[in-house]
C-alpha atoms as a PDB file:
ATOM      1  CA  MET A   1      -0.913  34.814  -3.322  1.00  0.00           C
ATOM      2  CA  THR A   2      -4.019  33.475  -1.644  1.00  0.00           C
ATOM      3  CA  ASP A   3      -5.679  36.869  -2.150  1.00  0.00           C
ATOM      4  CA  LEU A   4      -4.690  36.722  -5.789  1.00  0.00           C
ATOM      5  CA  ALA A   5      -6.413  33.364  -6.291  1.00  0.00           C
ATOM      6  CA  THR A   6      -9.512  34.643  -4.535  1.00  0.00           C
ATOM      7  CA  THR A   7      -9.608  37.770  -6.670  1.00  0.00           C
ATOM      8  CA  LEU A   8      -9.406  35.730  -9.847  1.00  0.00           C
ATOM      9  CA  ALA A   9     -12.465  33.593  -9.149  1.00  0.00           C
ATOM     10  CA  PRO A  10     -14.565  34.896  -6.293  1.00  0.00           C
ATOM     11  CA  GLU A  11     -17.606  32.963  -7.410  1.00  0.00           C
ATOM     12  CA  ARG A  12     -15.712  29.677  -7.070  1.00  0.00           C
ATOM     13  CA  THR A  13     -14.380  30.306  -3.576  1.00  0.00           C
ATOM     14  CA  ALA A  14     -17.349  32.053  -2.010  1.00  0.00           C
ATOM     15  CA  PRO A  15     -18.903  29.984   0.802  1.00  0.00           C
ATOM     16  CA  VAL A  16     -22.141  29.183  -0.995  1.00  0.00           C
ATOM     17  CA  PRO A  17     -24.416  26.419   0.340  1.00  0.00           C
ATOM     18  CA  VAL A  18     -23.717  23.647  -2.179  1.00  0.00           C
ATOM     19  CA  ARG A  19     -24.161  20.564  -0.026  1.00  0.00           C
ATOM     20  CA  PRO A  20     -27.922  20.113  -0.525  1.00  0.00           C
ATOM     21  CA  ARG A  21     -27.407  20.481  -4.253  1.00  0.00           C
ATOM     22  CA  GLU A  22     -24.632  17.895  -4.172  1.00  0.00           C
ATOM     23  CA  ARG A  23     -26.835  15.457  -2.265  1.00  0.00           C
ATOM     24  CA  SER A  24     -29.643  15.891  -4.767  1.00  0.00           C
ATOM     25  CA  THR A  25     -27.187  15.360  -7.618  1.00  0.00           C
ATOM     26  CA  VAL A  26     -25.928  12.106  -6.089  1.00  0.00           C
ATOM     27  CA  GLY A  27     -29.488  10.936  -5.463  1.00  0.00           C
ATOM     28  CA  ARG A  28     -30.456  11.747  -9.024  1.00  0.00           C
ATOM     29  CA  ARG A  29     -27.502   9.795 -10.379  1.00  0.00           C
ATOM     30  CA  ILE A  30     -28.388   6.785  -8.249  1.00  0.00           C
ATOM     31  CA  LEU A  31     -31.975   6.972  -9.525  1.00  0.00           C
ATOM     32  CA  VAL A  32     -30.759   7.209 -13.122  1.00  0.00           C
ATOM     33  CA  GLY A  33     -28.537   4.172 -12.569  1.00  0.00           C
ATOM     34  CA  VAL A  34     -31.404   2.122 -11.151  1.00  0.00           C
ATOM     35  CA  LEU A  35     -33.689   3.157 -14.002  1.00  0.00           C
ATOM     36  CA  ALA A  36     -30.994   2.234 -16.524  1.00  0.00           C
ATOM     37  CA  VAL A  37     -30.731  -1.260 -15.035  1.00  0.00           C
ATOM     38  CA  LEU A  38     -34.520  -1.677 -15.133  1.00  0.00           C
ATOM     39  CA  LEU A  39     -34.616  -0.437 -18.721  1.00  0.00           C
ATOM     40  CA  LEU A  40     -31.943  -2.936 -19.700  1.00  0.00           C
ATOM     41  CA  ALA A  41     -33.952  -5.744 -18.116  1.00  0.00           C
ATOM     42  CA  ALA A  42     -37.052  -4.616 -20.013  1.00  0.00           C
ATOM     43  CA  LEU A  43     -35.123  -4.530 -23.291  1.00  0.00           C
ATOM     44  CA  TRP A  44     -33.796  -8.023 -22.559  1.00  0.00           C
ATOM     45  CA  GLU A  45     -37.325  -9.367 -22.227  1.00  0.00           C
ATOM     46  CA  LEU A  46     -38.460  -7.413 -25.295  1.00  0.00           C
ATOM     47  CA  VAL A  47     -35.745  -9.044 -27.392  1.00  0.00           C
ATOM     48  CA  LYS A  48     -36.892 -12.470 -26.183  1.00  0.00           C
ATOM     49  CA  VAL A  49     -40.447 -11.647 -27.285  1.00  0.00           C
ATOM     50  CA  VAL A  50     -39.600 -10.147 -30.679  1.00  0.00           C
ATOM     51  CA  VAL A  51     -36.680 -12.291 -31.869  1.00  0.00           C
ATOM     52  CA  PRO A  52     -37.387 -15.976 -32.682  1.00  0.00           C
ATOM     53  CA  ASP A  53     -35.863 -18.606 -30.415  1.00  0.00           C
ATOM     54  CA  GLY A  54     -33.482 -19.690 -33.155  1.00  0.00           C
ATOM     55  CA  GLY A  55     -32.325 -16.149 -33.842  1.00  0.00           C
ATOM     56  CA  GLY A  56     -32.490 -14.153 -37.056  1.00  0.00           C
ATOM     57  CA  HIS A  57     -30.852 -15.312 -40.270  1.00  0.00           C
ATOM     58  CA  LEU A  58     -30.098 -13.587 -43.548  1.00  0.00           C
ATOM     59  CA  GLY A  59     -29.408 -16.373 -45.977  1.00  0.00           C
ATOM     60  CA  GLU A  60     -26.853 -18.556 -44.231  1.00  0.00           C
ATOM     61  CA  ALA A  61     -25.568 -15.730 -42.062  1.00  0.00           C
ATOM     62  CA  SER A  62     -26.841 -15.307 -38.502  1.00  0.00           C
ATOM     63  CA  VAL A  63     -27.695 -11.644 -37.845  1.00  0.00           C
ATOM     64  CA  LEU A  64     -29.600 -11.929 -34.560  1.00  0.00           C
ATOM     65  CA  PRO A  65     -28.726 -14.036 -31.502  1.00  0.00           C
ATOM     66  CA  ARG A  66     -30.683 -17.003 -30.246  1.00  0.00           C
ATOM     67  CA  THR A  67     -33.249 -16.085 -27.639  1.00  0.00           C
ATOM     68  CA  ASP A  68     -34.301 -19.466 -26.267  1.00  0.00           C
ATOM     69  CA  ASP A  69     -34.064 -20.062 -22.535  1.00  0.00           C
ATOM     70  CA  LEU A  70     -30.673 -21.759 -22.859  1.00  0.00           C
ATOM     71  CA  ALA A  71     -29.094 -18.773 -24.600  1.00  0.00           C
ATOM     72  CA  MET A  72     -31.088 -15.953 -22.951  1.00  0.00           C
ATOM     73  CA  PRO A  73     -32.865 -16.972 -19.748  1.00  0.00           C
ATOM     74  CA  HIS A  74     -35.581 -14.737 -18.386  1.00  0.00           C
ATOM     75  CA  VAL A  75     -34.568 -11.981 -15.983  1.00  0.00           C
ATOM     76  CA  TRP A  76     -36.650 -13.506 -13.186  1.00  0.00           C
ATOM     77  CA  ASP A  77     -34.940 -16.866 -13.725  1.00  0.00           C
ATOM     78  CA  ILE A  78     -31.551 -15.178 -13.307  1.00  0.00           C
ATOM     79  CA  VAL A  79     -32.694 -13.433 -10.125  1.00  0.00           C
ATOM     80  CA  ASP A  80     -34.102 -16.698  -8.768  1.00  0.00           C
ATOM     81  CA  ARG A  81     -30.835 -18.521  -9.526  1.00  0.00           C
ATOM     82  CA  VAL A  82     -28.861 -15.908  -7.612  1.00  0.00           C
ATOM     83  CA  LEU A  83     -30.685 -16.854  -4.429  1.00  0.00           C
ATOM     84  CA  GLN A  84     -30.120 -20.592  -4.827  1.00  0.00           C
ATOM     85  CA  PRO A  85     -27.077 -22.659  -3.726  1.00  0.00           C
ATOM     86  CA  GLU A  86     -24.099 -22.567  -6.049  1.00  0.00           C
ATOM     87  CA  THR A  87     -23.997 -26.361  -6.344  1.00  0.00           C
ATOM     88  CA  SER A  88     -26.084 -29.280  -5.130  1.00  0.00           C
ATOM     89  CA  ALA A  89     -23.487 -30.183  -2.487  1.00  0.00           C
ATOM     90  CA  THR A  90     -24.536 -29.932   1.141  1.00  0.00           C
ATOM     91  CA  GLY A  91     -23.567 -26.613   2.691  1.00  0.00           C
ATOM     92  CA  SER A  92     -22.824 -24.983  -0.662  1.00  0.00           C
ATOM     93  CA  PRO A  93     -23.001 -21.171  -0.505  1.00  0.00           C
ATOM     94  CA  THR A  94     -25.543 -19.323  -2.579  1.00  0.00           C
ATOM     95  CA  VAL A  95     -24.642 -17.834  -5.935  1.00  0.00           C
ATOM     96  CA  LEU A  96     -25.213 -14.404  -4.418  1.00  0.00           C
ATOM     97  CA  SER A  97     -22.681 -15.081  -1.664  1.00  0.00           C
ATOM     98  CA  ALA A  98     -20.091 -16.313  -4.156  1.00  0.00           C
ATOM     99  CA  MET A  99     -20.629 -13.306  -6.404  1.00  0.00           C
ATOM    100  CA  LEU A 100     -20.371 -10.813  -3.544  1.00  0.00           C
ATOM    101  CA  SER A 101     -17.080 -12.352  -2.433  1.00  0.00           C
ATOM    102  CA  ALA A 102     -15.722 -12.326  -5.989  1.00  0.00           C
ATOM    103  CA  CYS A 103     -16.886  -8.750  -6.601  1.00  0.00           C
ATOM    104  CA  TRP A 104     -15.273  -7.578  -3.375  1.00  0.00           C
ATOM    105  CA  PHE A 105     -11.951  -9.097  -4.470  1.00  0.00           C
ATOM    106  CA  THR A 106     -12.139  -7.547  -7.942  1.00  0.00           C
ATOM    107  CA  LEU A 107     -13.259  -4.178  -6.586  1.00  0.00           C
ATOM    108  CA  ARG A 108     -10.274  -3.937  -4.239  1.00  0.00           C
ATOM    109  CA  VAL A 109      -7.832  -4.863  -6.991  1.00  0.00           C
ATOM    110  CA  ALA A 110      -9.483  -2.476  -9.455  1.00  0.00           C
ATOM    111  CA  LEU A 111      -9.418   0.413  -6.974  1.00  0.00           C
ATOM    112  CA  ALA A 112      -5.735  -0.246  -6.298  1.00  0.00           C
ATOM    113  CA  GLY A 113      -5.097  -0.111 -10.033  1.00  0.00           C
ATOM    114  CA  TRP A 114      -7.268   2.998 -10.346  1.00  0.00           C
ATOM    115  CA  LEU A 115      -5.268   4.741  -7.626  1.00  0.00           C
ATOM    116  CA  VAL A 116      -1.946   3.942  -9.294  1.00  0.00           C
ATOM    117  CA  GLY A 117      -3.262   4.903 -12.732  1.00  0.00           C
ATOM    118  CA  SER A 118      -4.779   8.157 -11.454  1.00  0.00           C
ATOM    119  CA  ILE A 119      -1.584   9.248  -9.746  1.00  0.00           C
ATOM    120  CA  GLY A 120       0.431   8.388 -12.833  1.00  0.00           C
ATOM    121  CA  GLY A 121      -2.065  10.171 -15.072  1.00  0.00           C
ATOM    122  CA  LEU A 122      -2.014  13.337 -12.951  1.00  0.00           C
ATOM    123  CA  LEU A 123       1.790  13.437 -12.903  1.00  0.00           C
ATOM    124  CA  LEU A 124       1.970  12.850 -16.639  1.00  0.00           C
ATOM    125  CA  ALA A 125      -0.614  15.578 -17.306  1.00  0.00           C
ATOM    126  CA  ALA A 126       1.308  18.016 -15.116  1.00  0.00           C
ATOM    127  CA  LEU A 127       4.493  17.198 -17.025  1.00  0.00           C
ATOM    128  CA  MET A 128       2.816  17.798 -20.378  1.00  0.00           C
ATOM    129  CA  GLN A 129       1.274  21.046 -19.173  1.00  0.00           C
ATOM    130  CA  ARG A 130       4.631  22.255 -17.908  1.00  0.00           C
ATOM    131  CA  TRP A 131       6.502  21.665 -21.173  1.00  0.00           C
ATOM    132  CA  GLN A 132       4.866  21.945 -24.581  1.00  0.00           C
ATOM    133  CA  LEU A 133       7.542  19.678 -26.037  1.00  0.00           C
ATOM    134  CA  ALA A 134       6.554  16.926 -23.599  1.00  0.00           C
ATOM    135  CA  GLU A 135       2.911  17.230 -24.649  1.00  0.00           C
ATOM    136  CA  SER A 136       3.755  17.012 -28.352  1.00  0.00           C
ATOM    137  CA  ALA A 137       5.981  14.011 -27.744  1.00  0.00           C
ATOM    138  CA  LEU A 138       3.847  12.043 -25.268  1.00  0.00           C
ATOM    139  CA  VAL A 139       0.199  12.527 -26.289  1.00  0.00           C
ATOM    140  CA  PRO A 140       0.490  10.315 -29.398  1.00  0.00           C
ATOM    141  CA  TRP A 141       2.066   7.562 -27.304  1.00  0.00           C
ATOM    142  CA  VAL A 142      -0.608   7.894 -24.636  1.00  0.00           C
ATOM    143  CA  VAL A 143      -3.294   7.409 -27.281  1.00  0.00           C
ATOM    144  CA  LEU A 144      -1.358   4.606 -28.961  1.00  0.00           C
ATOM    145  CA  SER A 145      -1.000   2.761 -25.661  1.00  0.00           C
ATOM    146  CA  GLN A 146      -4.750   2.078 -25.609  1.00  0.00           C
ATOM    147  CA  THR A 147      -4.595   0.129 -28.870  1.00  0.00           C
ATOM    148  CA  VAL A 148      -2.594  -2.713 -27.297  1.00  0.00           C
ATOM    149  CA  PRO A 149      -4.958  -5.654 -26.586  1.00  0.00           C
ATOM    150  CA  LEU A 150      -5.041  -6.584 -22.902  1.00  0.00           C
ATOM    151  CA  ILE A 151      -5.273 -10.282 -23.689  1.00  0.00           C
ATOM    152  CA  ALA A 152      -1.791 -10.023 -25.228  1.00  0.00           C
ATOM    153  CA  LEU A 153      -0.380  -7.721 -22.550  1.00  0.00           C
ATOM    154  CA  ALA A 154      -1.553  -9.685 -19.497  1.00  0.00           C
ATOM    155  CA  PRO A 155       0.760 -12.726 -19.871  1.00  0.00           C
ATOM    156  CA  LEU A 156       3.746 -10.410 -20.327  1.00  0.00           C
ATOM    157  CA  VAL A 157       2.942  -8.492 -17.157  1.00  0.00           C
ATOM    158  CA  VAL A 158       2.571 -11.729 -15.198  1.00  0.00           C
ATOM    159  CA  GLY A 159       5.870 -13.037 -16.572  1.00  0.00           C
ATOM    160  CA  TRP A 160       7.758  -9.861 -15.769  1.00  0.00           C
ATOM    161  CA  GLY A 161       6.195  -9.563 -12.330  1.00  0.00           C
ATOM    162  CA  GLY A 162       7.098 -13.147 -11.464  1.00  0.00           C
ATOM    163  CA  ARG A 163      10.784 -12.213 -11.762  1.00  0.00           C
ATOM    164  CA  ILE A 164      10.562  -9.420  -9.171  1.00  0.00           C
ATOM    165  CA  HIS A 165      12.082 -10.457  -5.862  1.00  0.00           C
ATOM    166  CA  VAL A 166      13.360  -7.736  -3.526  1.00  0.00           C
ATOM    167  CA  GLY A 167      14.378  -9.119  -0.148  1.00  0.00           C
ATOM    168  CA  THR A 168      11.328 -10.750   1.360  1.00  0.00           C
ATOM    169  CA  PHE A 169       8.998  -9.037  -1.113  1.00  0.00           C
ATOM    170  CA  GLU A 170       7.487 -11.293  -3.736  1.00  0.00           C
ATOM    171  CA  TRP A 171       5.275 -10.173  -6.592  1.00  0.00           C
ATOM    172  CA  GLN A 172       1.745 -11.517  -6.216  1.00  0.00           C
ATOM    173  CA  ARG A 173      -0.607 -12.439  -9.038  1.00  0.00           C
ATOM    174  CA  TRP A 174      -3.187  -9.847  -7.970  1.00  0.00           C
ATOM    175  CA  MET A 175      -0.551  -7.137  -8.366  1.00  0.00           C
ATOM    176  CA  SER A 176      -0.324  -7.964 -12.052  1.00  0.00           C
ATOM    177  CA  VAL A 177      -4.098  -7.604 -12.305  1.00  0.00           C
ATOM    178  CA  ALA A 178      -3.952  -4.221 -10.532  1.00  0.00           C
ATOM    179  CA  LEU A 179      -1.159  -3.058 -12.830  1.00  0.00           C
ATOM    180  CA  ILE A 180      -3.187  -3.965 -15.911  1.00  0.00           C
ATOM    181  CA  ALA A 181      -6.193  -2.143 -14.428  1.00  0.00           C
ATOM    182  CA  SER A 182      -4.033   0.951 -13.881  1.00  0.00           C
ATOM    183  CA  TYR A 183      -2.941   0.725 -17.515  1.00  0.00           C
ATOM    184  CA  LEU A 184      -6.532   1.323 -18.608  1.00  0.00           C
ATOM    185  CA  ALA A 185      -7.339   3.840 -15.878  1.00  0.00           C
ATOM    186  CA  PHE A 186      -4.471   6.241 -16.528  1.00  0.00           C
ATOM    187  CA  PHE A 187      -5.594   7.209 -20.046  1.00  0.00           C
ATOM    188  CA  PRO A 188      -8.858   9.073 -19.264  1.00  0.00           C
ATOM    189  CA  VAL A 189      -7.275  10.648 -16.182  1.00  0.00           C
ATOM    190  CA  THR A 190      -4.296  11.887 -18.185  1.00  0.00           C
ATOM    191  CA  ILE A 191      -6.394  13.416 -20.944  1.00  0.00           C
ATOM    192  CA  GLY A 192      -8.991  14.884 -18.577  1.00  0.00           C
ATOM    193  CA  ALA A 193      -6.378  16.379 -16.258  1.00  0.00           C
ATOM    194  CA  LEU A 194      -4.450  17.856 -19.177  1.00  0.00           C
ATOM    195  CA  ARG A 195      -7.588  19.535 -20.500  1.00  0.00           C
ATOM    196  CA  GLY A 196      -8.339  20.834 -17.029  1.00  0.00           C
ATOM    197  CA  PHE A 197      -4.840  22.188 -16.435  1.00  0.00           C
ATOM    198  CA  GLN A 198      -5.034  24.054 -19.744  1.00  0.00           C
ATOM    199  CA  SER A 199      -8.547  25.410 -19.150  1.00  0.00           C
ATOM    200  CA  PRO A 200      -7.847  28.667 -17.198  1.00  0.00           C
ATOM    201  CA  PRO A 201      -8.278  31.792 -19.369  1.00  0.00           C
ATOM    202  CA  ALA A 202      -5.099  33.436 -20.609  1.00  0.00           C
ATOM    203  CA  ALA A 203      -5.893  36.605 -18.632  1.00  0.00           C
ATOM    204  CA  GLN A 204      -5.810  34.703 -15.340  1.00  0.00           C
ATOM    205  CA  VAL A 205      -2.571  32.948 -16.238  1.00  0.00           C
ATOM    206  CA  GLU A 206      -0.991  36.285 -17.203  1.00  0.00           C
ATOM    207  CA  LEU A 207      -2.113  37.816 -13.912  1.00  0.00           C
ATOM    208  CA  PHE A 208      -0.299  35.082 -11.996  1.00  0.00           C
ATOM    209  CA  ARG A 209       2.798  35.700 -14.089  1.00  0.00           C
ATOM    210  CA  ALA A 210       2.565  39.431 -13.444  1.00  0.00           C
ATOM    211  CA  GLN A 211       2.620  38.693  -9.710  1.00  0.00           C
ATOM    212  CA  ALA A 212       5.768  36.553 -10.185  1.00  0.00           C
ATOM    213  CA  ALA A 213       3.911  33.403  -9.123  1.00  0.00           C
ATOM    214  CA  SER A 214       5.928  30.221  -9.512  1.00  0.00           C
ATOM    215  CA  TRP A 215       4.728  27.316 -11.627  1.00  0.00           C
ATOM    216  CA  ASN A 216       3.946  25.352  -8.457  1.00  0.00           C
ATOM    217  CA  ARG A 217       1.852  28.182  -7.021  1.00  0.00           C
ATOM    218  CA  THR A 218       0.017  28.664 -10.321  1.00  0.00           C
ATOM    219  CA  MET A 219      -0.700  24.939 -10.477  1.00  0.00           C
ATOM    220  CA  LEU A 220      -2.040  24.735  -6.920  1.00  0.00           C
ATOM    221  CA  SER A 221      -3.994  28.007  -6.863  1.00  0.00           C
ATOM    222  CA  LEU A 222      -5.256  28.231 -10.427  1.00  0.00           C
ATOM    223  CA  ARG A 223      -4.837  25.214 -12.677  1.00  0.00           C
ATOM    224  CA  LEU A 224      -5.715  22.463 -10.180  1.00  0.00           C
ATOM    225  CA  PRO A 225      -8.991  24.068  -9.004  1.00  0.00           C
ATOM    226  CA  ALA A 226      -9.906  24.859 -12.620  1.00  0.00           C
ATOM    227  CA  SER A 227      -9.353  21.201 -13.593  1.00  0.00           C
ATOM    228  CA  VAL A 228     -11.986  19.806 -11.205  1.00  0.00           C
ATOM    229  CA  PRO A 229     -14.881  19.954 -13.716  1.00  0.00           C
ATOM    230  CA  TYR A 230     -12.728  17.977 -16.155  1.00  0.00           C
ATOM    231  CA  LEU A 231     -11.025  15.715 -13.651  1.00  0.00           C
ATOM    232  CA  LEU A 232     -14.042  14.263 -11.838  1.00  0.00           C
ATOM    233  CA  PRO A 233     -15.657  12.746 -14.972  1.00  0.00           C
ATOM    234  CA  ALA A 234     -12.239  11.416 -15.995  1.00  0.00           C
ATOM    235  CA  LEU A 235     -11.782   9.767 -12.594  1.00  0.00           C
ATOM    236  CA  ARG A 236     -15.217   8.134 -12.838  1.00  0.00           C
ATOM    237  CA  LEU A 237     -14.435   6.820 -16.296  1.00  0.00           C
ATOM    238  CA  GLY A 238     -11.051   5.632 -15.051  1.00  0.00           C
ATOM    239  CA  ALA A 239     -12.728   3.672 -12.249  1.00  0.00           C
ATOM    240  CA  ALA A 240     -15.077   1.933 -14.685  1.00  0.00           C
ATOM    241  CA  THR A 241     -12.245   1.076 -17.086  1.00  0.00           C
ATOM    242  CA  ALA A 242     -10.150  -0.188 -14.171  1.00  0.00           C
ATOM    243  CA  VAL A 243     -12.907  -2.700 -13.358  1.00  0.00           C
ATOM    244  CA  VAL A 244     -12.976  -3.809 -17.001  1.00  0.00           C
ATOM    245  CA  GLY A 245      -9.193  -4.174 -16.996  1.00  0.00           C
ATOM    246  CA  ALA A 246      -9.244  -6.149 -13.756  1.00  0.00           C
ATOM    247  CA  ILE A 247     -11.900  -8.566 -15.057  1.00  0.00           C
ATOM    248  CA  VAL A 248     -10.088  -9.124 -18.355  1.00  0.00           C
ATOM    249  CA  ALA A 249      -6.783  -9.562 -16.524  1.00  0.00           C
ATOM    250  CA  GLU A 250      -8.289 -12.125 -14.150  1.00  0.00           C
ATOM    251  CA  VAL A 251      -9.476 -14.156 -17.104  1.00  0.00           C
ATOM    252  CA  SER A 252      -6.188 -13.804 -19.012  1.00  0.00           C
ATOM    253  CA  THR A 253      -3.857 -14.486 -16.097  1.00  0.00           C
ATOM    254  CA  GLY A 254      -5.895 -17.159 -14.319  1.00  0.00           C
ATOM    255  CA  THR A 255      -6.114 -15.150 -11.090  1.00  0.00           C
ATOM    256  CA  LYS A 256      -8.560 -16.857  -8.754  1.00  0.00           C
ATOM    257  CA  GLY A 257     -11.020 -15.198  -6.409  1.00  0.00           C
ATOM    258  CA  GLY A 258     -12.380 -12.489  -8.702  1.00  0.00           C
ATOM    259  CA  ILE A 259     -15.551 -12.082 -10.719  1.00  0.00           C
ATOM    260  CA  GLY A 260     -13.661 -12.674 -13.968  1.00  0.00           C
ATOM    261  CA  ARG A 261     -12.692 -16.218 -13.028  1.00  0.00           C
ATOM    262  CA  LEU A 262     -16.163 -16.792 -11.589  1.00  0.00           C
ATOM    263  CA  ILE A 263     -17.693 -16.002 -14.977  1.00  0.00           C
ATOM    264  CA  ILE A 264     -15.402 -18.563 -16.629  1.00  0.00           C
ATOM    265  CA  SER A 265     -16.206 -21.134 -13.940  1.00  0.00           C
ATOM    266  CA  TYR A 266     -19.957 -20.633 -14.268  1.00  0.00           C
ATOM    267  CA  ALA A 267     -19.771 -20.651 -18.076  1.00  0.00           C
ATOM    268  CA  GLN A 268     -18.560 -24.246 -17.991  1.00  0.00           C
ATOM    269  CA  SER A 269     -22.023 -25.300 -16.793  1.00  0.00           C
ATOM    270  CA  ALA A 270     -23.946 -22.921 -19.054  1.00  0.00           C
ATOM    271  CA  SER A 271     -25.556 -25.696 -21.091  1.00  0.00           C
ATOM    272  CA  GLY A 272     -27.303 -27.153 -18.053  1.00  0.00           C
ATOM    273  CA  ASP A 273     -27.575 -24.022 -15.896  1.00  0.00           C
ATOM    274  CA  PRO A 274     -27.713 -20.996 -18.230  1.00  0.00           C
ATOM    275  CA  ALA A 275     -28.909 -18.522 -15.613  1.00  0.00           C
ATOM    276  CA  LYS A 276     -25.798 -18.875 -13.461  1.00  0.00           C
ATOM    277  CA  PRO A 277     -23.191 -17.418 -15.877  1.00  0.00           C
ATOM    278  CA  TRP A 278     -25.570 -14.604 -16.810  1.00  0.00           C
ATOM    279  CA  ALA A 279     -25.890 -13.744 -13.119  1.00  0.00           C
ATOM    280  CA  ALA A 280     -22.117 -13.403 -12.845  1.00  0.00           C
ATOM    281  CA  ILE A 281     -22.011 -11.259 -16.000  1.00  0.00           C
ATOM    282  CA  ALA A 282     -24.696  -8.976 -14.562  1.00  0.00           C
ATOM    283  CA  ALA A 283     -22.721  -8.720 -11.316  1.00  0.00           C
ATOM    284  CA  ALA A 284     -19.621  -7.669 -13.267  1.00  0.00           C
ATOM    285  CA  ALA A 285     -21.601  -4.936 -15.040  1.00  0.00           C
ATOM    286  CA  LEU A 286     -23.031  -3.659 -11.763  1.00  0.00           C
ATOM    287  CA  LEU A 287     -19.533  -3.679 -10.266  1.00  0.00           C
ATOM    288  CA  GLY A 288     -18.433  -1.071 -12.807  1.00  0.00           C
ATOM    289  CA  LEU A 289     -21.355   1.146 -11.800  1.00  0.00           C
ATOM    290  CA  VAL A 290     -20.476   0.733  -8.122  1.00  0.00           C
ATOM    291  CA  ALA A 291     -16.832   1.683  -8.750  1.00  0.00           C
ATOM    292  CA  ALA A 292     -17.832   4.803 -10.681  1.00  0.00           C
ATOM    293  CA  GLY A 293     -20.338   5.671  -7.959  1.00  0.00           C
ATOM    294  CA  LEU A 294     -17.729   5.380  -5.212  1.00  0.00           C
ATOM    295  CA  VAL A 295     -15.404   7.715  -7.092  1.00  0.00           C
ATOM    296  CA  SER A 296     -18.286  10.176  -7.533  1.00  0.00           C
ATOM    297  CA  LEU A 297     -18.246  10.645  -3.756  1.00  0.00           C
ATOM    298  CA  LEU A 298     -14.991  12.569  -4.192  1.00  0.00           C
ATOM    299  CA  GLY A 299     -17.009  15.394  -5.703  1.00  0.00           C
ATOM    300  CA  LEU A 300     -19.141  15.938  -2.593  1.00  0.00           C
ATOM    301  CA  GLY A 301     -16.491  18.154  -1.019  1.00  0.00           C
ATOM    302  CA  LEU A 302     -15.588  19.960  -4.235  1.00  0.00           C
ATOM    303  CA  GLY A 303     -18.927  21.587  -5.009  1.00  0.00           C
ATOM    304  CA  ARG A 304     -17.472  25.086  -5.169  1.00  0.00           C
ATOM    305  CA  TYR A 305     -15.291  24.068  -8.118  1.00  0.00           C
ATOM    306  CA  ARG A 306     -17.942  22.096 -10.039  1.00  0.00           C
ATOM    307  CA  TYR A 307     -19.489  25.178 -11.597  1.00  0.00           C
ATOM    308  CA  ALA A 308     -19.390  23.734 -15.132  1.00  0.00           C
ATOM    309  CA  GLU A 309     -18.584  20.047 -14.933  1.00  0.00           C
ATOM    310  CA  VAL A 310     -17.659  18.552 -18.284  1.00  0.00           C
ATOM    311  CA  ARG A 311     -19.619  15.370 -19.061  1.00  0.00           C
END
C-alpha cells in the first residue's frame, strides 16, 4: 500500500530540497508581519494628523473618533510608557514586564484551547468525510455554533465547570478560558480539514478502492497528506481565534493573570494615563500574530505536501 501511495503522487513524496524554500517563506512572513505593524503605526499617526482632535461629526452624529492625546496617544508615547514602571510605587515592575507575564499566561491557555479545538475539529471532519449523512447533519450546526456570543457563553461555562469534582480533581478557572478558546478554534480547523479530506481527485480515490484499501489506509496515505495545504492555514487561523477567545473569556469570567484582565485594569486609569491601556491592547494584537507564527512552524517539516497551499 505504501507503493500505491507513492505511485499516486510521486511529485509530493520525492525527496526534493524544500528546506531552504521553507526558511525563506518563514522569513518573508516575519518581514510581512513587521511591515504590517509599522504600516498600522503610520496609519495611526496619519489619522491623528488628518482627523480633528474632537473627531468628525455629521449633524449631531459622531462619524469619526476623537484623536486628541487622551483618546489616541502618539505611538512614541505608547512605546515610552511601556518602558516605564507600572505604578509610582517603589519597586513597581515596568509595564513591559507586566505585559510579558500576562501574555505568557494567555498564550499558554490559548494554545491549550487550540490543541483541544484542533483535535476535536480533525475528528469531526473525519467523521463528516466518512459519512455523507453526518456532513449534511453537522455542518449547519458547526456554522451555527459560531453565532453564539462568547460574552453570553462564558458565564455558563464557568458555572458548569465549577460543578466538576472528580476525586481530587477540581476544575480551575483557566480551564474554562481554554475551553472557550477551543470553541472558537475548532471551527476553522473543522472546515479546513473537511475540505482537505475531500480534495483528492476521484481517480486516486477509486484506485485505492480498486486495491481494496480500507478507509483508515485511504485516510492516512491519501486524504491526510492531501489535506495539508488546507489544514495549515486553518490551524493558523484557529490559533489566532483561540487567542481572541481567551482574551474575551478572561474579561467575561474575571480570570486574573492574563492580558484580557490587564487591559481592563489599565483602562481604569485611561483618563490620566491613556498610553498604558493602548499598550496592553497592542500587546494583545501582537499576541495573536505570535500564536499564528508558532503554529506556522508546523509546516517546516511538511514542505513536500505544501505544493499548493490554500490561503
